[in-house]
Amino acid sequence: MERIEAVLSGLELALKMEADGKKYYLQAAKESSTEAGRKLFASLAEEEDDHARRFVEIYNHLKEKNAWPDGLKKSTPSHKIRTIFAEALEEMKDEGIKYETEMKAVETARKMEDDAIALYSRLAAEAKSQVEKDFFEAIIAEERGHSLALNDYAEYLRDPAGWFVLKERHSLDGG
């Protein structure tokens, strides 16, 4: 019972972090000076919402049954984030990018993702069942995916055309 209370407390903190993340990402999407930034931050807000829904489902199950649910649905990483930059590059005009503002938003978001990874890593390390451990490790992988997407956005901001060549691995010889 004591372990369940600890997990519930961890999930409450996780829910707050996800809600704060969603709020931040929605604001960042609204204020972004690039189409890629708007799409990326909006997509990250949706994923924070997905995490929160899953946390609430587990929280409610733990409260009701004092046990982890069997057969947790595995989340599949969003492929939407990967295509954001390629689409934005094709649509890119002189968007009046506010580079410093965008980079500050990315750094703040990366810090939030790192904090989430640290929390979920602690919860995974404290897990008493494989289901619990697997769940938190899956969330960690998703948060790392968010962090990688933010790194991609930072690189995209620094050099959009260079990012496209590097990530899309297009041939420069025309072949």
N, C-alpha and C. Protein backbone atom coordinates (compact mmCIF):
# COMPACT_ATOMS: atom_id res chain seq x y z
N MET A 1 0.82 -1.19 0.00
CA MET A 1 0.00 0.00 0.00
C MET A 1 0.87 1.26 0.00
N GLU A 2 1.97 1.18 0.74
CA GLU A 2 2.88 2.33 0.80
C GLU A 2 3.46 2.64 -0.58
N ARG A 3 3.77 1.58 -1.33
CA ARG A 3 4.31 1.77 -2.69
C ARG A 3 3.28 2.42 -3.60
N ILE A 4 2.04 2.02 -3.48
CA ILE A 4 0.98 2.61 -4.30
C ILE A 4 0.87 4.10 -4.00
N GLU A 5 0.93 4.47 -2.73
CA GLU A 5 0.86 5.88 -2.37
C GLU A 5 2.03 6.66 -2.97
N ALA A 6 3.21 6.06 -2.98
CA ALA A 6 4.39 6.72 -3.57
C ALA A 6 4.20 6.91 -5.07
N VAL A 7 3.66 5.89 -5.74
CA VAL A 7 3.42 5.99 -7.18
C VAL A 7 2.35 7.05 -7.46
N LEU A 8 1.29 7.05 -6.67
CA LEU A 8 0.24 8.05 -6.84
C LEU A 8 0.81 9.46 -6.69
N SER A 9 1.67 9.63 -5.71
CA SER A 9 2.31 10.93 -5.50
C SER A 9 3.19 11.30 -6.71
N GLY A 10 3.93 10.32 -7.22
CA GLY A 10 4.75 10.55 -8.42
C GLY A 10 3.90 10.89 -9.63
N LEU A 11 2.77 10.22 -9.77
CA LEU A 11 1.87 10.50 -10.90
C LEU A 11 1.24 11.88 -10.77
N GLU A 12 0.93 12.29 -9.54
CA GLU A 12 0.40 13.64 -9.34
C GLU A 12 1.42 14.69 -9.79
N LEU A 13 2.68 14.48 -9.42
CA LEU A 13 3.74 15.39 -9.86
C LEU A 13 3.89 15.34 -11.38
N ALA A 14 3.83 14.13 -11.94
CA ALA A 14 3.93 13.98 -13.39
C ALA A 14 2.80 14.71 -14.10
N LEU A 15 1.60 14.61 -13.57
CA LEU A 15 0.45 15.30 -14.17
C LEU A 15 0.65 16.81 -14.15
N LYS A 16 1.19 17.32 -13.05
CA LYS A 16 1.46 18.76 -12.98
C LYS A 16 2.51 19.15 -14.00
N MET A 17 3.56 18.35 -14.12
CA MET A 17 4.61 18.65 -15.10
C MET A 17 4.06 18.61 -16.52
N GLU A 18 3.22 17.64 -16.81
CA GLU A 18 2.65 17.54 -18.15
C GLU A 18 1.72 18.72 -18.43
N ALA A 19 0.93 19.12 -17.43
CA ALA A 19 0.04 20.28 -17.60
C ALA A 19 0.86 21.56 -17.80
N ASP A 20 1.91 21.72 -17.02
CA ASP A 20 2.79 22.89 -17.19
C ASP A 20 3.45 22.86 -18.56
N GLY A 21 3.87 21.67 -18.98
CA GLY A 21 4.48 21.52 -20.30
C GLY A 21 3.52 21.89 -21.41
N LYS A 22 2.30 21.39 -21.31
CA LYS A 22 1.30 21.70 -22.33
C LYS A 22 1.05 23.21 -22.39
N LYS A 23 0.90 23.82 -21.23
CA LYS A 23 0.67 25.27 -21.17
C LYS A 23 1.83 26.03 -21.81
N TYR A 24 3.05 25.62 -21.48
CA TYR A 24 4.23 26.27 -22.05
C TYR A 24 4.27 26.09 -23.57
N TYR A 25 4.05 24.86 -24.03
CA TYR A 25 4.13 24.59 -25.47
C TYR A 25 3.05 25.35 -26.24
N LEU A 26 1.85 25.45 -25.68
CA LEU A 26 0.80 26.20 -26.36
C LEU A 26 1.18 27.68 -26.47
N GLN A 27 1.75 28.22 -25.40
CA GLN A 27 2.19 29.62 -25.43
C GLN A 27 3.33 29.80 -26.42
N ALA A 28 4.29 28.88 -26.40
CA ALA A 28 5.42 28.95 -27.33
C ALA A 28 4.94 28.85 -28.78
N ALA A 29 3.94 27.99 -29.03
CA ALA A 29 3.38 27.86 -30.39
C ALA A 29 2.77 29.18 -30.82
N LYS A 30 2.05 29.79 -29.92
CA LYS A 30 1.38 31.06 -30.22
C LYS A 30 2.39 32.17 -30.52
N GLU A 31 3.51 32.17 -29.81
CA GLU A 31 4.50 33.24 -29.93
C GLU A 31 5.61 32.95 -30.92
N SER A 32 5.69 31.73 -31.43
CA SER A 32 6.78 31.38 -32.33
C SER A 32 6.75 32.23 -33.60
N SER A 33 7.94 32.57 -34.07
CA SER A 33 8.04 33.39 -35.27
C SER A 33 8.21 32.55 -36.53
N THR A 34 8.18 31.23 -36.39
CA THR A 34 8.29 30.36 -37.57
C THR A 34 7.13 29.38 -37.62
N GLU A 35 6.78 28.99 -38.80
CA GLU A 35 5.74 27.97 -38.98
C GLU A 35 6.20 26.65 -38.36
N ALA A 36 7.48 26.32 -38.54
CA ALA A 36 8.01 25.09 -37.96
C ALA A 36 7.88 25.11 -36.45
N GLY A 37 8.21 26.23 -35.83
CA GLY A 37 8.11 26.36 -34.38
C GLY A 37 6.68 26.24 -33.91
N ARG A 38 5.77 26.90 -34.61
CA ARG A 38 4.36 26.81 -34.23
C ARG A 38 3.87 25.36 -34.29
N LYS A 39 4.21 24.67 -35.37
CA LYS A 39 3.78 23.28 -35.52
C LYS A 39 4.45 22.36 -34.49
N LEU A 40 5.74 22.55 -34.27
CA LEU A 40 6.46 21.71 -33.32
C LEU A 40 5.89 21.88 -31.92
N PHE A 41 5.77 23.12 -31.46
CA PHE A 41 5.29 23.34 -30.10
C PHE A 41 3.84 22.88 -29.94
N ALA A 42 3.02 23.06 -30.95
CA ALA A 42 1.63 22.58 -30.88
C ALA A 42 1.60 21.05 -30.80
N SER A 43 2.46 20.41 -31.57
CA SER A 43 2.53 18.95 -31.55
C SER A 43 3.01 18.45 -30.19
N LEU A 44 4.00 19.11 -29.61
CA LEU A 44 4.49 18.72 -28.29
C LEU A 44 3.40 18.91 -27.24
N ALA A 45 2.60 19.96 -27.37
CA ALA A 45 1.48 20.17 -26.44
C ALA A 45 0.50 19.00 -26.53
N GLU A 46 0.21 18.52 -27.74
CA GLU A 46 -0.69 17.37 -27.92
C GLU A 46 -0.12 16.12 -27.25
N GLU A 47 1.20 15.95 -27.37
CA GLU A 47 1.82 14.77 -26.78
C GLU A 47 1.81 14.84 -25.26
N GLU A 48 1.97 16.04 -24.70
CA GLU A 48 1.86 16.20 -23.25
C GLU A 48 0.45 15.84 -22.80
N ASP A 49 -0.53 16.22 -23.59
CA ASP A 49 -1.92 15.86 -23.31
C ASP A 49 -2.10 14.34 -23.30
N ASP A 50 -1.48 13.67 -24.27
CA ASP A 50 -1.56 12.21 -24.35
C ASP A 50 -0.94 11.58 -23.11
N HIS A 51 0.21 12.09 -22.69
CA HIS A 51 0.84 11.57 -21.47
C HIS A 51 -0.10 11.75 -20.28
N ALA A 52 -0.67 12.93 -20.15
CA ALA A 52 -1.56 13.22 -19.02
C ALA A 52 -2.74 12.25 -19.01
N ARG A 53 -3.33 11.99 -20.17
CA ARG A 53 -4.46 11.06 -20.25
C ARG A 53 -4.04 9.67 -19.74
N ARG A 54 -2.87 9.24 -20.16
CA ARG A 54 -2.38 7.92 -19.73
C ARG A 54 -2.10 7.91 -18.23
N PHE A 55 -1.54 9.01 -17.70
CA PHE A 55 -1.28 9.08 -16.26
C PHE A 55 -2.58 9.04 -15.47
N VAL A 56 -3.59 9.75 -15.93
CA VAL A 56 -4.88 9.76 -15.24
C VAL A 56 -5.49 8.37 -15.24
N GLU A 57 -5.40 7.69 -16.37
CA GLU A 57 -5.94 6.32 -16.47
C GLU A 57 -5.26 5.41 -15.45
N ILE A 58 -3.95 5.48 -15.36
CA ILE A 58 -3.20 4.65 -14.41
C ILE A 58 -3.50 5.08 -12.98
N TYR A 59 -3.52 6.37 -12.74
CA TYR A 59 -3.80 6.90 -11.41
C TYR A 59 -5.15 6.38 -10.91
N ASN A 60 -6.17 6.50 -11.74
CA ASN A 60 -7.50 6.04 -11.35
C ASN A 60 -7.53 4.54 -11.09
N HIS A 61 -6.83 3.78 -11.92
CA HIS A 61 -6.78 2.33 -11.74
C HIS A 61 -6.08 1.99 -10.42
N LEU A 62 -4.97 2.65 -10.14
CA LEU A 62 -4.24 2.40 -8.89
C LEU A 62 -5.10 2.76 -7.67
N LYS A 63 -5.82 3.87 -7.75
CA LYS A 63 -6.69 4.28 -6.65
C LYS A 63 -7.80 3.25 -6.40
N GLU A 64 -8.35 2.77 -7.51
CA GLU A 64 -9.49 1.85 -7.41
C GLU A 64 -9.08 0.43 -7.05
N LYS A 65 -8.00 -0.06 -7.65
CA LYS A 65 -7.66 -1.48 -7.52
C LYS A 65 -6.36 -1.75 -6.75
N ASN A 66 -5.66 -0.69 -6.36
CA ASN A 66 -4.38 -0.83 -5.65
C ASN A 66 -3.37 -1.68 -6.41
N ALA A 67 -3.43 -1.63 -7.73
CA ALA A 67 -2.51 -2.39 -8.57
C ALA A 67 -2.40 -1.71 -9.93
N TRP A 68 -1.30 -1.98 -10.60
CA TRP A 68 -1.11 -1.46 -11.95
C TRP A 68 -2.04 -2.19 -12.91
N PRO A 69 -2.55 -1.48 -13.91
CA PRO A 69 -3.40 -2.16 -14.91
C PRO A 69 -2.56 -3.13 -15.75
N ASP A 70 -3.16 -4.23 -16.12
CA ASP A 70 -2.49 -5.17 -17.01
C ASP A 70 -2.61 -4.66 -18.44
N GLY A 71 -1.66 -5.00 -19.24
CA GLY A 71 -1.73 -4.71 -20.67
C GLY A 71 -1.87 -3.24 -21.00
N LEU A 72 -0.98 -2.42 -20.45
CA LEU A 72 -1.01 -1.00 -20.80
C LEU A 72 -0.78 -0.83 -22.29
N LYS A 73 -1.55 0.07 -22.87
CA LYS A 73 -1.40 0.34 -24.30
C LYS A 73 -0.07 1.03 -24.53
N LYS A 74 0.68 0.51 -25.47
CA LYS A 74 1.94 1.13 -25.84
C LYS A 74 1.65 2.32 -26.75
N SER A 75 2.31 3.39 -26.48
CA SER A 75 2.16 4.57 -27.32
C SER A 75 3.17 4.46 -28.46
N THR A 76 2.78 4.92 -29.60
CA THR A 76 3.72 4.94 -30.71
C THR A 76 4.20 6.37 -30.91
N PRO A 77 5.51 6.54 -31.09
CA PRO A 77 6.03 7.89 -31.27
C PRO A 77 5.39 8.58 -32.46
N SER A 78 5.18 9.85 -32.31
CA SER A 78 4.56 10.63 -33.38
C SER A 78 5.55 10.84 -34.51
N HIS A 79 5.09 10.55 -35.72
CA HIS A 79 5.92 10.82 -36.90
C HIS A 79 5.66 12.24 -37.40
N LYS A 80 4.66 12.88 -36.81
CA LYS A 80 4.29 14.23 -37.21
C LYS A 80 5.46 15.19 -36.99
N ILE A 81 6.14 15.03 -35.86
CA ILE A 81 7.23 15.95 -35.52
C ILE A 81 8.33 15.88 -36.57
N ARG A 82 8.65 14.70 -37.05
CA ARG A 82 9.75 14.53 -38.01
C ARG A 82 9.49 15.29 -39.31
N THR A 83 8.26 15.36 -39.75
CA THR A 83 7.97 15.99 -41.04
C THR A 83 7.77 17.50 -40.94
N ILE A 84 7.66 18.02 -39.74
CA ILE A 84 7.40 19.45 -39.57
C ILE A 84 8.45 20.30 -40.26
N PHE A 85 9.72 19.97 -40.06
CA PHE A 85 10.79 20.81 -40.57
C PHE A 85 10.89 20.74 -42.09
N ALA A 86 10.73 19.53 -42.64
CA ALA A 86 10.79 19.40 -44.10
C ALA A 86 9.67 20.20 -44.75
N GLU A 87 8.47 20.11 -44.20
CA GLU A 87 7.35 20.88 -44.74
C GLU A 87 7.60 22.37 -44.60
N ALA A 88 8.12 22.77 -43.45
CA ALA A 88 8.36 24.19 -43.21
C ALA A 88 9.42 24.73 -44.16
N LEU A 89 10.44 23.91 -44.45
CA LEU A 89 11.49 24.37 -45.36
C LEU A 89 10.92 24.62 -46.74
N GLU A 90 10.03 23.74 -47.18
CA GLU A 90 9.41 23.91 -48.49
C GLU A 90 8.56 25.18 -48.54
N GLU A 91 7.93 25.51 -47.41
CA GLU A 91 7.05 26.68 -47.35
C GLU A 91 7.80 27.94 -46.91
N MET A 92 9.11 27.79 -46.61
CA MET A 92 9.84 28.87 -45.97
C MET A 92 9.92 30.11 -46.85
N LYS A 93 9.61 31.20 -46.23
CA LYS A 93 9.75 32.51 -46.84
C LYS A 93 10.57 33.29 -45.84
N ASP A 94 10.74 34.55 -46.08
CA ASP A 94 11.40 35.38 -45.08
C ASP A 94 10.38 35.58 -43.96
N GLU A 95 10.44 34.70 -42.96
CA GLU A 95 9.44 34.70 -41.91
C GLU A 95 9.72 35.73 -40.82
N GLY A 96 10.83 36.43 -40.91
CA GLY A 96 11.18 37.35 -39.84
C GLY A 96 11.46 36.58 -38.56
N ILE A 97 12.29 35.57 -38.66
CA ILE A 97 12.58 34.71 -37.52
C ILE A 97 13.22 35.53 -36.40
N LYS A 98 12.68 35.38 -35.22
CA LYS A 98 13.24 36.00 -34.02
C LYS A 98 14.14 34.95 -33.38
N TYR A 99 15.36 34.85 -33.88
CA TYR A 99 16.27 33.77 -33.53
C TYR A 99 16.47 33.63 -32.02
N GLU A 100 16.82 34.70 -31.35
CA GLU A 100 17.09 34.63 -29.90
C GLU A 100 15.85 34.19 -29.12
N THR A 101 14.69 34.68 -29.50
CA THR A 101 13.45 34.30 -28.83
C THR A 101 13.16 32.82 -29.04
N GLU A 102 13.33 32.36 -30.28
CA GLU A 102 13.09 30.96 -30.60
C GLU A 102 14.06 30.06 -29.83
N MET A 103 15.34 30.44 -29.80
CA MET A 103 16.34 29.62 -29.12
C MET A 103 16.07 29.58 -27.61
N LYS A 104 15.61 30.69 -27.06
CA LYS A 104 15.28 30.70 -25.62
C LYS A 104 14.11 29.75 -25.36
N ALA A 105 13.12 29.75 -26.23
CA ALA A 105 11.98 28.83 -26.09
C ALA A 105 12.45 27.38 -26.15
N VAL A 106 13.37 27.10 -27.07
CA VAL A 106 13.90 25.74 -27.21
C VAL A 106 14.65 25.34 -25.94
N GLU A 107 15.49 26.22 -25.42
CA GLU A 107 16.26 25.90 -24.22
C GLU A 107 15.35 25.66 -23.02
N THR A 108 14.34 26.49 -22.86
CA THR A 108 13.38 26.30 -21.76
C THR A 108 12.67 24.96 -21.92
N ALA A 109 12.25 24.66 -23.12
CA ALA A 109 11.55 23.39 -23.38
C ALA A 109 12.47 22.20 -23.12
N ARG A 110 13.73 22.29 -23.55
CA ARG A 110 14.67 21.19 -23.30
C ARG A 110 14.86 20.97 -21.80
N LYS A 111 14.92 22.04 -21.04
CA LYS A 111 15.07 21.93 -19.58
C LYS A 111 13.84 21.22 -19.00
N MET A 112 12.66 21.57 -19.48
CA MET A 112 11.44 20.91 -19.01
C MET A 112 11.47 19.42 -19.34
N GLU A 113 11.91 19.08 -20.53
CA GLU A 113 11.99 17.67 -20.93
C GLU A 113 13.01 16.94 -20.06
N ASP A 114 14.15 17.57 -19.79
CA ASP A 114 15.17 16.95 -18.92
C ASP A 114 14.61 16.70 -17.52
N ASP A 115 13.85 17.66 -16.99
CA ASP A 115 13.24 17.50 -15.67
C ASP A 115 12.25 16.34 -15.67
N ALA A 116 11.48 16.24 -16.74
CA ALA A 116 10.51 15.13 -16.85
C ALA A 116 11.25 13.80 -16.93
N ILE A 117 12.31 13.73 -17.72
CA ILE A 117 13.09 12.50 -17.84
C ILE A 117 13.66 12.11 -16.47
N ALA A 118 14.14 13.08 -15.72
CA ALA A 118 14.69 12.79 -14.39
C ALA A 118 13.62 12.21 -13.47
N LEU A 119 12.42 12.80 -13.47
CA LEU A 119 11.33 12.29 -12.64
C LEU A 119 10.96 10.87 -13.05
N TYR A 120 10.76 10.65 -14.34
CA TYR A 120 10.32 9.33 -14.80
C TYR A 120 11.42 8.29 -14.63
N SER A 121 12.68 8.70 -14.70
CA SER A 121 13.79 7.78 -14.44
C SER A 121 13.78 7.34 -12.97
N ARG A 122 13.51 8.29 -12.08
CA ARG A 122 13.43 7.95 -10.65
C ARG A 122 12.27 6.98 -10.42
N LEU A 123 11.12 7.27 -11.02
CA LEU A 123 9.96 6.40 -10.85
C LEU A 123 10.22 5.01 -11.44
N ALA A 124 10.92 4.95 -12.56
CA ALA A 124 11.25 3.64 -13.15
C ALA A 124 12.21 2.87 -12.24
N ALA A 125 13.18 3.57 -11.66
CA ALA A 125 14.14 2.92 -10.78
C ALA A 125 13.48 2.38 -9.51
N GLU A 126 12.43 3.05 -9.06
CA GLU A 126 11.71 2.64 -7.85
C GLU A 126 10.62 1.61 -8.14
N ALA A 127 10.40 1.30 -9.40
CA ALA A 127 9.30 0.41 -9.79
C ALA A 127 9.44 -0.95 -9.12
N LYS A 128 8.31 -1.48 -8.70
CA LYS A 128 8.27 -2.80 -8.05
C LYS A 128 7.71 -3.88 -8.97
N SER A 129 7.23 -3.48 -10.13
CA SER A 129 6.73 -4.48 -11.08
C SER A 129 7.27 -4.15 -12.47
N GLN A 130 7.29 -5.15 -13.31
CA GLN A 130 7.78 -4.94 -14.67
C GLN A 130 6.85 -4.03 -15.46
N VAL A 131 5.55 -4.13 -15.21
CA VAL A 131 4.57 -3.27 -15.90
C VAL A 131 4.87 -1.81 -15.58
N GLU A 132 5.08 -1.53 -14.31
CA GLU A 132 5.38 -0.16 -13.87
C GLU A 132 6.67 0.33 -14.50
N LYS A 133 7.71 -0.48 -14.43
CA LYS A 133 9.02 -0.11 -14.99
C LYS A 133 8.91 0.13 -16.51
N ASP A 134 8.25 -0.78 -17.21
CA ASP A 134 8.08 -0.66 -18.66
C ASP A 134 7.34 0.63 -19.03
N PHE A 135 6.30 0.95 -18.24
CA PHE A 135 5.53 2.15 -18.51
C PHE A 135 6.42 3.39 -18.42
N PHE A 136 7.13 3.53 -17.33
CA PHE A 136 7.96 4.72 -17.15
C PHE A 136 9.10 4.77 -18.17
N GLU A 137 9.65 3.62 -18.53
CA GLU A 137 10.70 3.61 -19.55
C GLU A 137 10.15 4.03 -20.91
N ALA A 138 8.91 3.66 -21.21
CA ALA A 138 8.29 4.10 -22.47
C ALA A 138 8.08 5.61 -22.47
N ILE A 139 7.66 6.16 -21.34
CA ILE A 139 7.47 7.61 -21.24
C ILE A 139 8.81 8.32 -21.37
N ILE A 140 9.85 7.76 -20.75
CA ILE A 140 11.20 8.34 -20.86
C ILE A 140 11.61 8.39 -22.33
N ALA A 141 11.37 7.32 -23.06
CA ALA A 141 11.74 7.28 -24.49
C ALA A 141 10.98 8.36 -25.26
N GLU A 142 9.71 8.57 -24.94
CA GLU A 142 8.93 9.61 -25.62
C GLU A 142 9.47 11.00 -25.28
N GLU A 143 9.81 11.20 -24.02
CA GLU A 143 10.36 12.51 -23.62
C GLU A 143 11.71 12.75 -24.30
N ARG A 144 12.51 11.71 -24.43
CA ARG A 144 13.79 11.85 -25.15
C ARG A 144 13.53 12.20 -26.62
N GLY A 145 12.47 11.63 -27.18
CA GLY A 145 12.08 11.99 -28.55
C GLY A 145 11.72 13.46 -28.65
N HIS A 146 11.03 13.98 -27.64
CA HIS A 146 10.71 15.41 -27.62
C HIS A 146 11.99 16.23 -27.58
N SER A 147 12.92 15.81 -26.74
CA SER A 147 14.19 16.53 -26.62
C SER A 147 14.95 16.52 -27.94
N LEU A 148 14.96 15.38 -28.62
CA LEU A 148 15.63 15.29 -29.93
C LEU A 148 14.95 16.20 -30.95
N ALA A 149 13.63 16.27 -30.90
CA ALA A 149 12.90 17.16 -31.81
C ALA A 149 13.27 18.61 -31.54
N LEU A 150 13.41 18.96 -30.28
CA LEU A 150 13.82 20.32 -29.93
C LEU A 150 15.24 20.60 -30.40
N ASN A 151 16.13 19.61 -30.28
CA ASN A 151 17.49 19.76 -30.81
C ASN A 151 17.46 19.97 -32.32
N ASP A 152 16.61 19.20 -33.00
CA ASP A 152 16.46 19.37 -34.44
C ASP A 152 15.99 20.78 -34.78
N TYR A 153 15.05 21.28 -34.01
CA TYR A 153 14.54 22.62 -34.26
C TYR A 153 15.64 23.66 -34.07
N ALA A 154 16.46 23.48 -33.04
CA ALA A 154 17.58 24.41 -32.81
C ALA A 154 18.53 24.39 -34.02
N GLU A 155 18.83 23.19 -34.51
CA GLU A 155 19.70 23.09 -35.69
C GLU A 155 19.03 23.70 -36.92
N TYR A 156 17.74 23.46 -37.05
CA TYR A 156 16.98 24.03 -38.15
C TYR A 156 17.04 25.55 -38.11
N LEU A 157 16.90 26.13 -36.92
CA LEU A 157 16.96 27.59 -36.78
C LEU A 157 18.33 28.13 -37.17
N ARG A 158 19.37 27.41 -36.80
CA ARG A 158 20.73 27.85 -37.10
C ARG A 158 21.01 27.85 -38.60
N ASP A 159 20.50 26.82 -39.31
CA ASP A 159 20.80 26.70 -40.74
C ASP A 159 19.75 25.81 -41.40
N PRO A 160 18.61 26.40 -41.80
CA PRO A 160 17.52 25.58 -42.37
C PRO A 160 17.94 24.74 -43.58
N ALA A 161 18.64 25.33 -44.51
CA ALA A 161 19.03 24.56 -45.71
C ALA A 161 20.03 23.47 -45.33
N GLY A 162 20.98 23.78 -44.48
CA GLY A 162 21.95 22.78 -44.03
C GLY A 162 21.28 21.66 -43.27
N TRP A 163 20.28 21.99 -42.44
CA TRP A 163 19.54 20.98 -41.70
C TRP A 163 18.87 20.02 -42.68
N PHE A 164 18.25 20.59 -43.71
CA PHE A 164 17.53 19.78 -44.68
C PHE A 164 18.48 18.81 -45.38
N VAL A 165 19.64 19.30 -45.80
CA VAL A 165 20.62 18.44 -46.48
C VAL A 165 21.09 17.33 -45.55
N LEU A 166 21.40 17.68 -44.31
CA LEU A 166 21.89 16.71 -43.34
C LEU A 166 20.84 15.66 -42.98
N LYS A 167 19.64 16.11 -42.65
CA LYS A 167 18.60 15.19 -42.17
C LYS A 167 17.94 14.39 -43.29
N GLU A 168 17.76 15.01 -44.40
CA GLU A 168 17.08 14.33 -45.50
C GLU A 168 18.05 13.57 -46.39
N ARG A 169 19.35 13.81 -46.20
CA ARG A 169 20.42 13.11 -46.91
C ARG A 169 20.26 13.11 -48.42
N HIS A 170 19.89 14.26 -48.91
CA HIS A 170 19.75 14.39 -50.35
C HIS A 170 21.14 14.48 -50.99
N SER A 171 21.23 13.93 -52.16
CA SER A 171 22.49 13.96 -52.90
C SER A 171 22.72 15.36 -53.43
N LEU A 172 23.96 15.78 -53.37
CA LEU A 172 24.29 17.10 -53.89
C LEU A 172 24.75 17.05 -55.34
N ASP A 173 24.88 15.85 -55.90
CA ASP A 173 25.36 15.72 -57.27
C ASP A 173 24.23 15.69 -58.30
N GLY A 174 23.02 15.82 -57.83
CA GLY A 174 21.88 15.84 -58.74
C GLY A 174 21.41 14.45 -59.13
N GLY A 175 22.04 13.42 -58.60
CA GLY A 175 21.70 12.05 -58.99
C GLY A 175 20.75 11.37 -58.10
